[in-house]
Amino acid sequence: MAKTHYHKIPLSYESQLLQLENRGLKISDRDKTLHLLENISYYRLSGYWYPLLADKQNHIFKQTAEFDTAFRLYCFDRKLRQLVLGELEKIEVAVRAKMTYILSHKHGAFWFQNQNLFKSSVTHANSLTKINEEFSRSDEDFIASFKQKYTDPLPPSWIILEITSFGALSKLYKMLKRELRSVK
């Protein structure tokens, strides 16, 4: 398919609702639908009415398609996402705790600065740069207290890993030499 310039114009909420109706989507409560288009957005909701389309190319809905069905799918997805994120947070906290405890006891409080524990000096240096940036940006009281009290450029792992993003933490773990990644 050849590329083209994007030409669609923004539509008012009322025009969005009319477009859905003209394409065959049944709307039982216009006020509620307008409220949801305004507060969730047409584009976000479109992912939930996509399965209700009979003609996906021309965006024509199945005869039985209802806005409420798409909204119920959105609500289910939102609740599922909240449950998953809650469990992921528990996993993230546990990974931080184990990683900090095991590596600090085996290699000292500042193990994350020891390049010899990592596979690559270049990626290790990049990770330290990222950790330093997060440390510099942090407005946490415990970080301010550390900066005020100590001369060390960075705090020990149990402090610094609390403000390190999970992405940076997982990269740090991935870069550890293989023998250091197994829990013993």
C-alpha atoms as a PDB file:
ATOM      1  CA  MET A   1       0.000   0.000   0.000  1.00  0.00           C
ATOM      2  CA  ALA A   2       1.344   3.413  -0.928  1.00  0.00           C
ATOM      3  CA  LYS A   3       1.766   5.948   1.851  1.00  0.00           C
ATOM      4  CA  THR A   4      -0.326   9.090   1.882  1.00  0.00           C
ATOM      5  CA  HIS A   5      -0.492  12.306   3.870  1.00  0.00           C
ATOM      6  CA  TYR A   6      -2.745  12.177   6.953  1.00  0.00           C
ATOM      7  CA  HIS A   7      -5.835  14.213   6.114  1.00  0.00           C
ATOM      8  CA  LYS A   8      -8.486  13.485   8.740  1.00  0.00           C
ATOM      9  CA  ILE A   9      -9.676  16.520  10.673  1.00  0.00           C
ATOM     10  CA  PRO A  10     -10.552  16.506  14.387  1.00  0.00           C
ATOM     11  CA  LEU A  11     -14.236  15.980  15.084  1.00  0.00           C
ATOM     12  CA  SER A  12     -16.355  17.460  17.863  1.00  0.00           C
ATOM     13  CA  TYR A  13     -17.712  14.992  20.405  1.00  0.00           C
ATOM     14  CA  GLU A  14     -21.165  15.283  18.849  1.00  0.00           C
ATOM     15  CA  SER A  15     -19.690  14.611  15.378  1.00  0.00           C
ATOM     16  CA  GLN A  16     -17.827  11.582  16.748  1.00  0.00           C
ATOM     17  CA  LEU A  17     -21.092  10.215  18.141  1.00  0.00           C
ATOM     18  CA  LEU A  18     -22.901  10.846  14.836  1.00  0.00           C
ATOM     19  CA  GLN A  19     -20.110   9.126  12.921  1.00  0.00           C
ATOM     20  CA  LEU A  20     -20.465   6.040  15.132  1.00  0.00           C
ATOM     21  CA  GLU A  21     -24.227   6.003  14.604  1.00  0.00           C
ATOM     22  CA  ASN A  22     -23.845   6.503  10.833  1.00  0.00           C
ATOM     23  CA  ARG A  23     -21.505   3.524  10.752  1.00  0.00           C
ATOM     24  CA  GLY A  24     -24.130   1.378  12.482  1.00  0.00           C
ATOM     25  CA  LEU A  25     -23.130   1.406  16.166  1.00  0.00           C
ATOM     26  CA  LYS A  26     -26.182   1.358  18.423  1.00  0.00           C
ATOM     27  CA  ILE A  27     -26.083   4.021  21.123  1.00  0.00           C
ATOM     28  CA  SER A  28     -28.586   3.636  23.951  1.00  0.00           C
ATOM     29  CA  ASP A  29     -27.610   6.686  26.017  1.00  0.00           C
ATOM     30  CA  ARG A  30     -26.340   9.657  24.019  1.00  0.00           C
ATOM     31  CA  ASP A  31     -25.387  11.753  27.072  1.00  0.00           C
ATOM     32  CA  LYS A  32     -23.374   8.915  28.601  1.00  0.00           C
ATOM     33  CA  THR A  33     -21.679   8.220  25.261  1.00  0.00           C
ATOM     34  CA  LEU A  34     -20.758  11.898  24.836  1.00  0.00           C
ATOM     35  CA  HIS A  35     -19.394  11.925  28.395  1.00  0.00           C
ATOM     36  CA  LEU A  36     -17.265   8.831  27.687  1.00  0.00           C
ATOM     37  CA  LEU A  37     -15.978  10.197  24.375  1.00  0.00           C
ATOM     38  CA  GLU A  38     -15.002  13.380  26.193  1.00  0.00           C
ATOM     39  CA  ASN A  39     -13.304  11.680  29.146  1.00  0.00           C
ATOM     40  CA  ILE A  40     -11.811   8.543  27.610  1.00  0.00           C
ATOM     41  CA  SER A  41     -11.501   9.586  23.941  1.00  0.00           C
ATOM     42  CA  TYR A  42     -12.754   8.220  20.670  1.00  0.00           C
ATOM     43  CA  TYR A  43      -9.359   6.824  19.759  1.00  0.00           C
ATOM     44  CA  ARG A  44      -8.852   4.877  23.004  1.00  0.00           C
ATOM     45  CA  LEU A  45     -12.368   3.451  22.841  1.00  0.00           C
ATOM     46  CA  SER A  46     -11.954   2.521  19.170  1.00  0.00           C
ATOM     47  CA  GLY A  47      -9.762  -0.402  20.172  1.00  0.00           C
ATOM     48  CA  TYR A  48     -12.700  -1.843  22.073  1.00  0.00           C
ATOM     49  CA  TRP A  49     -15.256  -1.479  19.309  1.00  0.00           C
ATOM     50  CA  TYR A  50     -12.870  -2.859  16.690  1.00  0.00           C
ATOM     51  CA  PRO A  51     -14.117  -6.463  17.281  1.00  0.00           C
ATOM     52  CA  LEU A  52     -17.666  -5.166  16.689  1.00  0.00           C
ATOM     53  CA  LEU A  53     -16.859  -4.094  13.120  1.00  0.00           C
ATOM     54  CA  ALA A  54     -18.283  -6.110  10.226  1.00  0.00           C
ATOM     55  CA  ASP A  55     -16.159  -4.198   7.697  1.00  0.00           C
ATOM     56  CA  LYS A  56     -12.880  -3.178   9.295  1.00  0.00           C
ATOM     57  CA  GLN A  57     -11.655  -1.385   6.170  1.00  0.00           C
ATOM     58  CA  ASN A  58     -14.645   0.980   6.004  1.00  0.00           C
ATOM     59  CA  HIS A  59     -15.390   0.958   9.760  1.00  0.00           C
ATOM     60  CA  ILE A  60     -18.923  -0.402   9.397  1.00  0.00           C
ATOM     61  CA  PHE A  61     -20.339  -2.084  12.491  1.00  0.00           C
ATOM     62  CA  LYS A  62     -22.098  -5.443  12.732  1.00  0.00           C
ATOM     63  CA  GLN A  63     -25.878  -5.112  12.970  1.00  0.00           C
ATOM     64  CA  THR A  64     -25.811  -6.183  16.629  1.00  0.00           C
ATOM     65  CA  ALA A  65     -22.957  -3.859  17.672  1.00  0.00           C
ATOM     66  CA  GLU A  66     -23.653  -1.652  20.682  1.00  0.00           C
ATOM     67  CA  PHE A  67     -21.551   1.086  22.262  1.00  0.00           C
ATOM     68  CA  ASP A  68     -22.282  -0.389  25.704  1.00  0.00           C
ATOM     69  CA  THR A  69     -20.591  -3.653  24.654  1.00  0.00           C
ATOM     70  CA  ALA A  70     -17.416  -1.781  23.717  1.00  0.00           C
ATOM     71  CA  PHE A  71     -17.534   0.176  26.964  1.00  0.00           C
ATOM     72  CA  ARG A  72     -17.930  -3.025  29.014  1.00  0.00           C
ATOM     73  CA  LEU A  73     -14.833  -4.412  27.236  1.00  0.00           C
ATOM     74  CA  TYR A  74     -12.966  -1.222  28.133  1.00  0.00           C
ATOM     75  CA  CYS A  75     -14.034  -1.525  31.798  1.00  0.00           C
ATOM     76  CA  PHE A  76     -12.970  -5.183  31.923  1.00  0.00           C
ATOM     77  CA  ASP A  77      -9.594  -4.318  30.405  1.00  0.00           C
ATOM     78  CA  ARG A  78      -9.111  -1.452  32.886  1.00  0.00           C
ATOM     79  CA  LYS A  79      -9.877  -3.696  35.881  1.00  0.00           C
ATOM     80  CA  LEU A  80      -7.613  -6.448  34.564  1.00  0.00           C
ATOM     81  CA  ARG A  81      -4.797  -3.930  34.013  1.00  0.00           C
ATOM     82  CA  GLN A  82      -5.183  -2.658  37.590  1.00  0.00           C
ATOM     83  CA  LEU A  83      -4.996  -6.208  38.980  1.00  0.00           C
ATOM     84  CA  VAL A  84      -1.945  -7.079  36.882  1.00  0.00           C
ATOM     85  CA  LEU A  85      -0.153  -3.838  37.779  1.00  0.00           C
ATOM     86  CA  GLY A  86      -0.783  -4.488  41.465  1.00  0.00           C
ATOM     87  CA  GLU A  87       0.809  -7.917  41.197  1.00  0.00           C
ATOM     88  CA  LEU A  88       3.685  -6.614  39.063  1.00  0.00           C
ATOM     89  CA  GLU A  89       4.460  -4.056  41.755  1.00  0.00           C
ATOM     90  CA  LYS A  90       4.794  -6.870  44.309  1.00  0.00           C
ATOM     91  CA  ILE A  91       7.169  -8.728  41.985  1.00  0.00           C
ATOM     92  CA  GLU A  92       9.209  -5.572  41.366  1.00  0.00           C
ATOM     93  CA  VAL A  93       9.579  -4.899  45.096  1.00  0.00           C
ATOM     94  CA  ALA A  94      10.602  -8.514  45.739  1.00  0.00           C
ATOM     95  CA  VAL A  95      13.202  -8.452  42.931  1.00  0.00           C
ATOM     96  CA  ARG A  96      14.703  -5.230  44.319  1.00  0.00           C
ATOM     97  CA  ALA A  97      14.809  -6.682  47.829  1.00  0.00           C
ATOM     98  CA  LYS A  98      16.438  -9.995  46.815  1.00  0.00           C
ATOM     99  CA  MET A  99      18.900  -8.394  44.433  1.00  0.00           C
ATOM    100  CA  THR A 100      19.967  -5.829  47.009  1.00  0.00           C
ATOM    101  CA  TYR A 101      20.254  -8.323  49.858  1.00  0.00           C
ATOM    102  CA  ILE A 102      22.123 -11.079  48.045  1.00  0.00           C
ATOM    103  CA  LEU A 103      24.550  -8.909  46.082  1.00  0.00           C
ATOM    104  CA  SER A 104      25.227  -6.540  48.996  1.00  0.00           C
ATOM    105  CA  HIS A 105      26.091  -9.433  51.288  1.00  0.00           C
ATOM    106  CA  LYS A 106      28.331 -11.094  48.688  1.00  0.00           C
ATOM    107  CA  HIS A 107      29.962  -8.019  47.126  1.00  0.00           C
ATOM    108  CA  GLY A 108      29.408  -5.051  49.445  1.00  0.00           C
ATOM    109  CA  ALA A 109      26.986  -2.164  49.681  1.00  0.00           C
ATOM    110  CA  PHE A 110      28.237  -0.542  46.465  1.00  0.00           C
ATOM    111  CA  TRP A 111      28.354  -3.704  44.306  1.00  0.00           C
ATOM    112  CA  PHE A 112      26.520  -1.966  41.446  1.00  0.00           C
ATOM    113  CA  GLN A 113      29.592   0.277  40.933  1.00  0.00           C
ATOM    114  CA  ASN A 114      32.011  -2.668  40.641  1.00  0.00           C
ATOM    115  CA  GLN A 115      32.571  -3.131  36.903  1.00  0.00           C
ATOM    116  CA  ASN A 116      34.168  -6.556  37.504  1.00  0.00           C
ATOM    117  CA  LEU A 117      30.751  -7.987  38.397  1.00  0.00           C
ATOM    118  CA  PHE A 118      29.347  -7.155  34.960  1.00  0.00           C
ATOM    119  CA  LYS A 119      29.759  -8.627  31.485  1.00  0.00           C
ATOM    120  CA  SER A 120      30.563  -5.378  29.682  1.00  0.00           C
ATOM    121  CA  SER A 121      32.328  -2.261  30.916  1.00  0.00           C
ATOM    122  CA  VAL A 122      30.548  -0.146  28.296  1.00  0.00           C
ATOM    123  CA  THR A 123      27.011  -1.207  29.210  1.00  0.00           C
ATOM    124  CA  HIS A 124      27.934  -1.026  32.891  1.00  0.00           C
ATOM    125  CA  ALA A 125      29.116   2.568  32.424  1.00  0.00           C
ATOM    126  CA  ASN A 126      25.849   3.387  30.600  1.00  0.00           C
ATOM    127  CA  SER A 127      23.856   1.916  33.482  1.00  0.00           C
ATOM    128  CA  LEU A 128      25.813   3.932  36.033  1.00  0.00           C
ATOM    129  CA  THR A 129      25.127   7.065  34.002  1.00  0.00           C
ATOM    130  CA  LYS A 130      21.398   6.265  34.084  1.00  0.00           C
ATOM    131  CA  ILE A 131      21.520   5.586  37.842  1.00  0.00           C
ATOM    132  CA  ASN A 132      23.393   8.866  38.395  1.00  0.00           C
ATOM    133  CA  GLU A 133      20.753  10.749  36.391  1.00  0.00           C
ATOM    134  CA  GLU A 134      17.956   9.228  38.460  1.00  0.00           C
ATOM    135  CA  PHE A 135      19.880  10.066  41.658  1.00  0.00           C
ATOM    136  CA  SER A 136      20.394  13.685  40.543  1.00  0.00           C
ATOM    137  CA  ARG A 137      16.727  14.093  39.571  1.00  0.00           C
ATOM    138  CA  SER A 138      15.263  12.496  42.670  1.00  0.00           C
ATOM    139  CA  ASP A 139      13.347  14.698  45.077  1.00  0.00           C
ATOM    140  CA  GLU A 140      12.826  11.933  47.646  1.00  0.00           C
ATOM    141  CA  ASP A 141      13.504  13.020  51.230  1.00  0.00           C
ATOM    142  CA  PHE A 142      15.782  10.031  51.874  1.00  0.00           C
ATOM    143  CA  ILE A 143      17.932  11.000  48.874  1.00  0.00           C
ATOM    144  CA  ALA A 144      18.164  14.634  50.010  1.00  0.00           C
ATOM    145  CA  SER A 145      19.151  13.384  53.460  1.00  0.00           C
ATOM    146  CA  PHE A 146      21.867  11.150  51.989  1.00  0.00           C
ATOM    147  CA  LYS A 147      23.263  13.997  49.866  1.00  0.00           C
ATOM    148  CA  GLN A 148      23.358  16.267  52.910  1.00  0.00           C
ATOM    149  CA  LYS A 149      24.956  13.724  55.222  1.00  0.00           C
ATOM    150  CA  TYR A 150      27.480  11.726  53.133  1.00  0.00           C
ATOM    151  CA  THR A 151      30.333  12.449  50.729  1.00  0.00           C
ATOM    152  CA  ASP A 152      29.875   9.296  48.625  1.00  0.00           C
ATOM    153  CA  PRO A 153      28.862  10.065  45.029  1.00  0.00           C
ATOM    154  CA  LEU A 154      26.019   7.514  45.251  1.00  0.00           C
ATOM    155  CA  PRO A 155      24.236   5.804  48.134  1.00  0.00           C
ATOM    156  CA  PRO A 156      24.496   2.057  48.835  1.00  0.00           C
ATOM    157  CA  SER A 157      22.423  -0.335  46.746  1.00  0.00           C
ATOM    158  CA  TRP A 158      19.516  -0.576  49.211  1.00  0.00           C
ATOM    159  CA  ILE A 159      18.982   3.171  48.859  1.00  0.00           C
ATOM    160  CA  ILE A 160      19.824   3.797  45.199  1.00  0.00           C
ATOM    161  CA  LEU A 161      17.820   0.842  43.889  1.00  0.00           C
ATOM    162  CA  GLU A 162      14.686   2.269  45.508  1.00  0.00           C
ATOM    163  CA  ILE A 163      14.739   5.193  43.062  1.00  0.00           C
ATOM    164  CA  THR A 164      16.109   3.273  40.081  1.00  0.00           C
ATOM    165  CA  SER A 165      13.474   2.534  37.449  1.00  0.00           C
ATOM    166  CA  PHE A 166      12.510  -1.097  37.024  1.00  0.00           C
ATOM    167  CA  GLY A 167      13.819  -0.920  33.454  1.00  0.00           C
ATOM    168  CA  ALA A 168      17.259   0.218  34.649  1.00  0.00           C
ATOM    169  CA  LEU A 169      17.187  -2.387  37.417  1.00  0.00           C
ATOM    170  CA  SER A 170      16.388  -5.209  35.006  1.00  0.00           C
ATOM    171  CA  LYS A 171      19.178  -4.075  32.659  1.00  0.00           C
ATOM    172  CA  LEU A 172      21.589  -4.031  35.582  1.00  0.00           C
ATOM    173  CA  TYR A 173      20.554  -7.575  36.485  1.00  0.00           C
ATOM    174  CA  LYS A 174      20.822  -8.737  32.874  1.00  0.00           C
ATOM    175  CA  MET A 175      24.359  -7.337  32.643  1.00  0.00           C
ATOM    176  CA  LEU A 176      25.570  -9.192  35.734  1.00  0.00           C
ATOM    177  CA  LYS A 177      27.937 -12.036  34.978  1.00  0.00           C
ATOM    178  CA  ARG A 178      25.980 -15.286  34.647  1.00  0.00           C
ATOM    179  CA  GLU A 179      27.285 -16.811  37.876  1.00  0.00           C
ATOM    180  CA  LEU A 180      26.021 -13.786  39.839  1.00  0.00           C
ATOM    181  CA  ARG A 181      22.469 -14.072  38.471  1.00  0.00           C
ATOM    182  CA  SER A 182      21.725 -17.407  40.081  1.00  0.00           C
ATOM    183  CA  VAL A 183      20.334 -17.274  43.609  1.00  0.00           C
ATOM    184  CA  LYS A 184      22.272 -19.426  46.046  1.00  0.00           C
END
